[in-house]
Amino acid sequence: MLDENEIEIIRKEIEREFPNDLALQQVHAARKILVKEAEKKGL
């Protein structure tokens, strides 16, 4: 599981990519979180 700092970094990165679209921010943040968690587990 990612810690709060890692999630915050992802959130800020996504906000810069999609500044005016909350729905896209949420989808892309979820995708990036899942990818990072899978990488940590070696998947």
PDB file of N, CA and C in Angstrom:
ATOM      1  N   MET A   1       0.844  -1.184   0.000  1.00  0.00           N
ATOM      2  CA  MET A   1       0.000   0.000   0.000  1.00  0.00           C
ATOM      3  C   MET A   1       0.882   1.237   0.000  1.00  0.00           C
ATOM      4  N   LEU A   2       0.444   2.254  -0.722  1.00  0.00           N
ATOM      5  CA  LEU A   2       1.195   3.498  -0.793  1.00  0.00           C
ATOM      6  C   LEU A   2       0.962   4.328   0.458  1.00  0.00           C
ATOM      7  N   ASP A   3       1.993   5.071   0.849  1.00  0.00           N
ATOM      8  CA  ASP A   3       1.800   5.942   2.006  1.00  0.00           C
ATOM      9  C   ASP A   3       1.192   7.275   1.544  1.00  0.00           C
ATOM     10  N   GLU A   4       0.804   8.085   2.495  1.00  0.00           N
ATOM     11  CA  GLU A   4       0.107   9.345   2.181  1.00  0.00           C
ATOM     12  C   GLU A   4       0.958  10.264   1.315  1.00  0.00           C
ATOM     13  N   ASN A   5       2.265  10.284   1.537  1.00  0.00           N
ATOM     14  CA  ASN A   5       3.152  11.153   0.765  1.00  0.00           C
ATOM     15  C   ASN A   5       3.166  10.744  -0.710  1.00  0.00           C
ATOM     16  N   GLU A   6       3.237   9.451  -0.984  1.00  0.00           N
ATOM     17  CA  GLU A   6       3.234   8.968  -2.363  1.00  0.00           C
ATOM     18  C   GLU A   6       1.918   9.308  -3.060  1.00  0.00           C
ATOM     19  N   ILE A   7       0.821   9.166  -2.350  1.00  0.00           N
ATOM     20  CA  ILE A   7      -0.488   9.490  -2.920  1.00  0.00           C
ATOM     21  C   ILE A   7      -0.604  10.992  -3.186  1.00  0.00           C
ATOM     22  N   GLU A   8      -0.074  11.789  -2.289  1.00  0.00           N
ATOM     23  CA  GLU A   8      -0.105  13.251  -2.467  1.00  0.00           C
ATOM     24  C   GLU A   8       0.703  13.665  -3.698  1.00  0.00           C
ATOM     25  N   ILE A   9       1.849  13.044  -3.909  1.00  0.00           N
ATOM     26  CA  ILE A   9       2.669  13.338  -5.087  1.00  0.00           C
ATOM     27  C   ILE A   9       1.897  13.003  -6.359  1.00  0.00           C
ATOM     28  N   ILE A  10       1.252  11.853  -6.367  1.00  0.00           N
ATOM     29  CA  ILE A  10       0.446  11.446  -7.529  1.00  0.00           C
ATOM     30  C   ILE A  10      -0.688  12.445  -7.742  1.00  0.00           C
ATOM     31  N   ARG A  11      -1.365  12.823  -6.667  1.00  0.00           N
ATOM     32  CA  ARG A  11      -2.499  13.758  -6.773  1.00  0.00           C
ATOM     33  C   ARG A  11      -2.061  15.081  -7.393  1.00  0.00           C
ATOM     34  N   LYS A  12      -0.940  15.629  -6.935  1.00  0.00           N
ATOM     35  CA  LYS A  12      -0.452  16.908  -7.473  1.00  0.00           C
ATOM     36  C   LYS A  12      -0.057  16.789  -8.937  1.00  0.00           C
ATOM     37  N   GLU A  13       0.574  15.676  -9.287  1.00  0.00           N
ATOM     38  CA  GLU A  13       0.969  15.439 -10.669  1.00  0.00           C
ATOM     39  C   GLU A  13      -0.266  15.392 -11.577  1.00  0.00           C
ATOM     40  N   ILE A  14      -1.288  14.696 -11.136  1.00  0.00           N
ATOM     41  CA  ILE A  14      -2.522  14.566 -11.908  1.00  0.00           C
ATOM     42  C   ILE A  14      -3.245  15.909 -12.016  1.00  0.00           C
ATOM     43  N   GLU A  15      -3.254  16.685 -10.943  1.00  0.00           N
ATOM     44  CA  GLU A  15      -3.905  18.005 -10.985  1.00  0.00           C
ATOM     45  C   GLU A  15      -3.249  18.903 -12.022  1.00  0.00           C
ATOM     46  N   ARG A  16      -1.932  18.778 -12.201  1.00  0.00           N
ATOM     47  CA  ARG A  16      -1.242  19.580 -13.223  1.00  0.00           C
ATOM     48  C   ARG A  16      -1.608  19.101 -14.629  1.00  0.00           C
ATOM     49  N   GLU A  17      -1.786  17.784 -14.786  1.00  0.00           N
ATOM     50  CA  GLU A  17      -2.119  17.232 -16.099  1.00  0.00           C
ATOM     51  C   GLU A  17      -3.543  17.558 -16.519  1.00  0.00           C
ATOM     52  N   PHE A  18      -4.469  17.538 -15.560  1.00  0.00           N
ATOM     53  CA  PHE A  18      -5.898  17.748 -15.852  1.00  0.00           C
ATOM     54  C   PHE A  18      -6.466  18.786 -14.878  1.00  0.00           C
ATOM     55  N   PRO A  19      -6.084  20.055 -15.027  1.00  0.00           N
ATOM     56  CA  PRO A  19      -6.444  21.057 -14.022  1.00  0.00           C
ATOM     57  C   PRO A  19      -7.936  21.360 -13.906  1.00  0.00           C
ATOM     58  N   ASN A  20      -8.697  21.144 -14.947  1.00  0.00           N
ATOM     59  CA  ASN A  20     -10.106  21.546 -14.921  1.00  0.00           C
ATOM     60  C   ASN A  20     -11.077  20.379 -15.034  1.00  0.00           C
ATOM     61  N   ASP A  21     -10.599  19.167 -14.781  1.00  0.00           N
ATOM     62  CA  ASP A  21     -11.472  18.006 -14.965  1.00  0.00           C
ATOM     63  C   ASP A  21     -11.297  17.021 -13.809  1.00  0.00           C
ATOM     64  N   LEU A  22     -12.150  17.159 -12.812  1.00  0.00           N
ATOM     65  CA  LEU A  22     -12.064  16.332 -11.609  1.00  0.00           C
ATOM     66  C   LEU A  22     -12.255  14.855 -11.927  1.00  0.00           C
ATOM     67  N   ALA A  23     -13.143  14.544 -12.858  1.00  0.00           N
ATOM     68  CA  ALA A  23     -13.395  13.137 -13.202  1.00  0.00           C
ATOM     69  C   ALA A  23     -12.136  12.492 -13.775  1.00  0.00           C
ATOM     70  N   LEU A  24     -11.470  13.165 -14.704  1.00  0.00           N
ATOM     71  CA  LEU A  24     -10.225  12.628 -15.265  1.00  0.00           C
ATOM     72  C   LEU A  24      -9.140  12.530 -14.203  1.00  0.00           C
ATOM     73  N   GLN A  25      -9.088  13.491 -13.298  1.00  0.00           N
ATOM     74  CA  GLN A  25      -8.112  13.441 -12.208  1.00  0.00           C
ATOM     75  C   GLN A  25      -8.314  12.176 -11.386  1.00  0.00           C
ATOM     76  N   GLN A  26      -9.539  11.878 -11.047  1.00  0.00           N
ATOM     77  CA  GLN A  26      -9.833  10.719 -10.214  1.00  0.00           C
ATOM     78  C   GLN A  26      -9.488   9.415 -10.927  1.00  0.00           C
ATOM     79  N   VAL A  27      -9.851   9.324 -12.204  1.00  0.00           N
ATOM     80  CA  VAL A  27      -9.582   8.102 -12.965  1.00  0.00           C
ATOM     81  C   VAL A  27      -8.078   7.879 -13.100  1.00  0.00           C
ATOM     82  N   HIS A  28      -7.351   8.908 -13.468  1.00  0.00           N
ATOM     83  CA  HIS A  28      -5.916   8.752 -13.680  1.00  0.00           C
ATOM     84  C   HIS A  28      -5.167   8.553 -12.367  1.00  0.00           C
ATOM     85  N   ALA A  29      -5.618   9.183 -11.301  1.00  0.00           N
ATOM     86  CA  ALA A  29      -4.993   8.969  -9.991  1.00  0.00           C
ATOM     87  C   ALA A  29      -5.189   7.519  -9.562  1.00  0.00           C
ATOM     88  N   ALA A  30      -6.379   6.995  -9.723  1.00  0.00           N
ATOM     89  CA  ALA A  30      -6.648   5.605  -9.352  1.00  0.00           C
ATOM     90  C   ALA A  30      -5.771   4.657 -10.172  1.00  0.00           C
ATOM     91  N   ARG A  31      -5.654   4.931 -11.450  1.00  0.00           N
ATOM     92  CA  ARG A  31      -4.832   4.085 -12.327  1.00  0.00           C
ATOM     93  C   ARG A  31      -3.369   4.106 -11.881  1.00  0.00           C
ATOM     94  N   LYS A  32      -2.849   5.298 -11.593  1.00  0.00           N
ATOM     95  CA  LYS A  32      -1.444   5.405 -11.182  1.00  0.00           C
ATOM     96  C   LYS A  32      -1.207   4.737  -9.831  1.00  0.00           C
ATOM     97  N   ILE A  33      -2.147   4.862  -8.927  1.00  0.00           N
ATOM     98  CA  ILE A  33      -2.018   4.224  -7.616  1.00  0.00           C
ATOM     99  C   ILE A  33      -1.987   2.706  -7.780  1.00  0.00           C
ATOM    100  N   LEU A  34      -2.884   2.174  -8.604  1.00  0.00           N
ATOM    101  CA  LEU A  34      -2.911   0.728  -8.836  1.00  0.00           C
ATOM    102  C   LEU A  34      -1.610   0.232  -9.464  1.00  0.00           C
ATOM    103  N   VAL A  35      -1.071   0.989 -10.400  1.00  0.00           N
ATOM    104  CA  VAL A  35       0.182   0.609 -11.052  1.00  0.00           C
ATOM    105  C   VAL A  35       1.319   0.588 -10.033  1.00  0.00           C
ATOM    106  N   LYS A  36       1.408   1.624  -9.210  1.00  0.00           N
ATOM    107  CA  LYS A  36       2.490   1.684  -8.215  1.00  0.00           C
ATOM    108  C   LYS A  36       2.366   0.560  -7.195  1.00  0.00           C
ATOM    109  N   GLU A  37       1.162   0.252  -6.771  1.00  0.00           N
ATOM    110  CA  GLU A  37       0.970  -0.837  -5.812  1.00  0.00           C
ATOM    111  C   GLU A  37       1.354  -2.178  -6.454  1.00  0.00           C
ATOM    112  N   ALA A  38       1.015  -2.382  -7.707  1.00  0.00           N
ATOM    113  CA  ALA A  38       1.390  -3.613  -8.404  1.00  0.00           C
ATOM    114  C   ALA A  38       2.916  -3.714  -8.542  1.00  0.00           C
ATOM    115  N   GLU A  39       3.568  -2.596  -8.846  1.00  0.00           N
ATOM    116  CA  GLU A  39       5.026  -2.596  -8.960  1.00  0.00           C
ATOM    117  C   GLU A  39       5.668  -2.972  -7.626  1.00  0.00           C
ATOM    118  N   LYS A  40       5.140  -2.465  -6.540  1.00  0.00           N
ATOM    119  CA  LYS A  40       5.683  -2.787  -5.211  1.00  0.00           C
ATOM    120  C   LYS A  40       5.549  -4.268  -4.894  1.00  0.00           C
ATOM    121  N   LYS A  41       4.484  -4.892  -5.415  1.00  0.00           N
ATOM    122  CA  LYS A  41       4.251  -6.312  -5.162  1.00  0.00           C
ATOM    123  C   LYS A  41       4.963  -7.188  -6.182  1.00  0.00           C
ATOM    124  N   GLY A  42       5.622  -6.563  -7.145  1.00  0.00           N
ATOM    125  CA  GLY A  42       6.359  -7.319  -8.147  1.00  0.00           C
ATOM    126  C   GLY A  42       5.514  -7.888  -9.257  1.00  0.00           C
ATOM    127  N   LEU A  43       4.365  -7.296  -9.477  1.00  0.00           N
ATOM    128  CA  LEU A  43       3.470  -7.774 -10.553  1.00  0.00           C
ATOM    129  C   LEU A  43       3.729  -7.050 -11.844  1.00  0.00           C
TER     130      LEU A  43
END
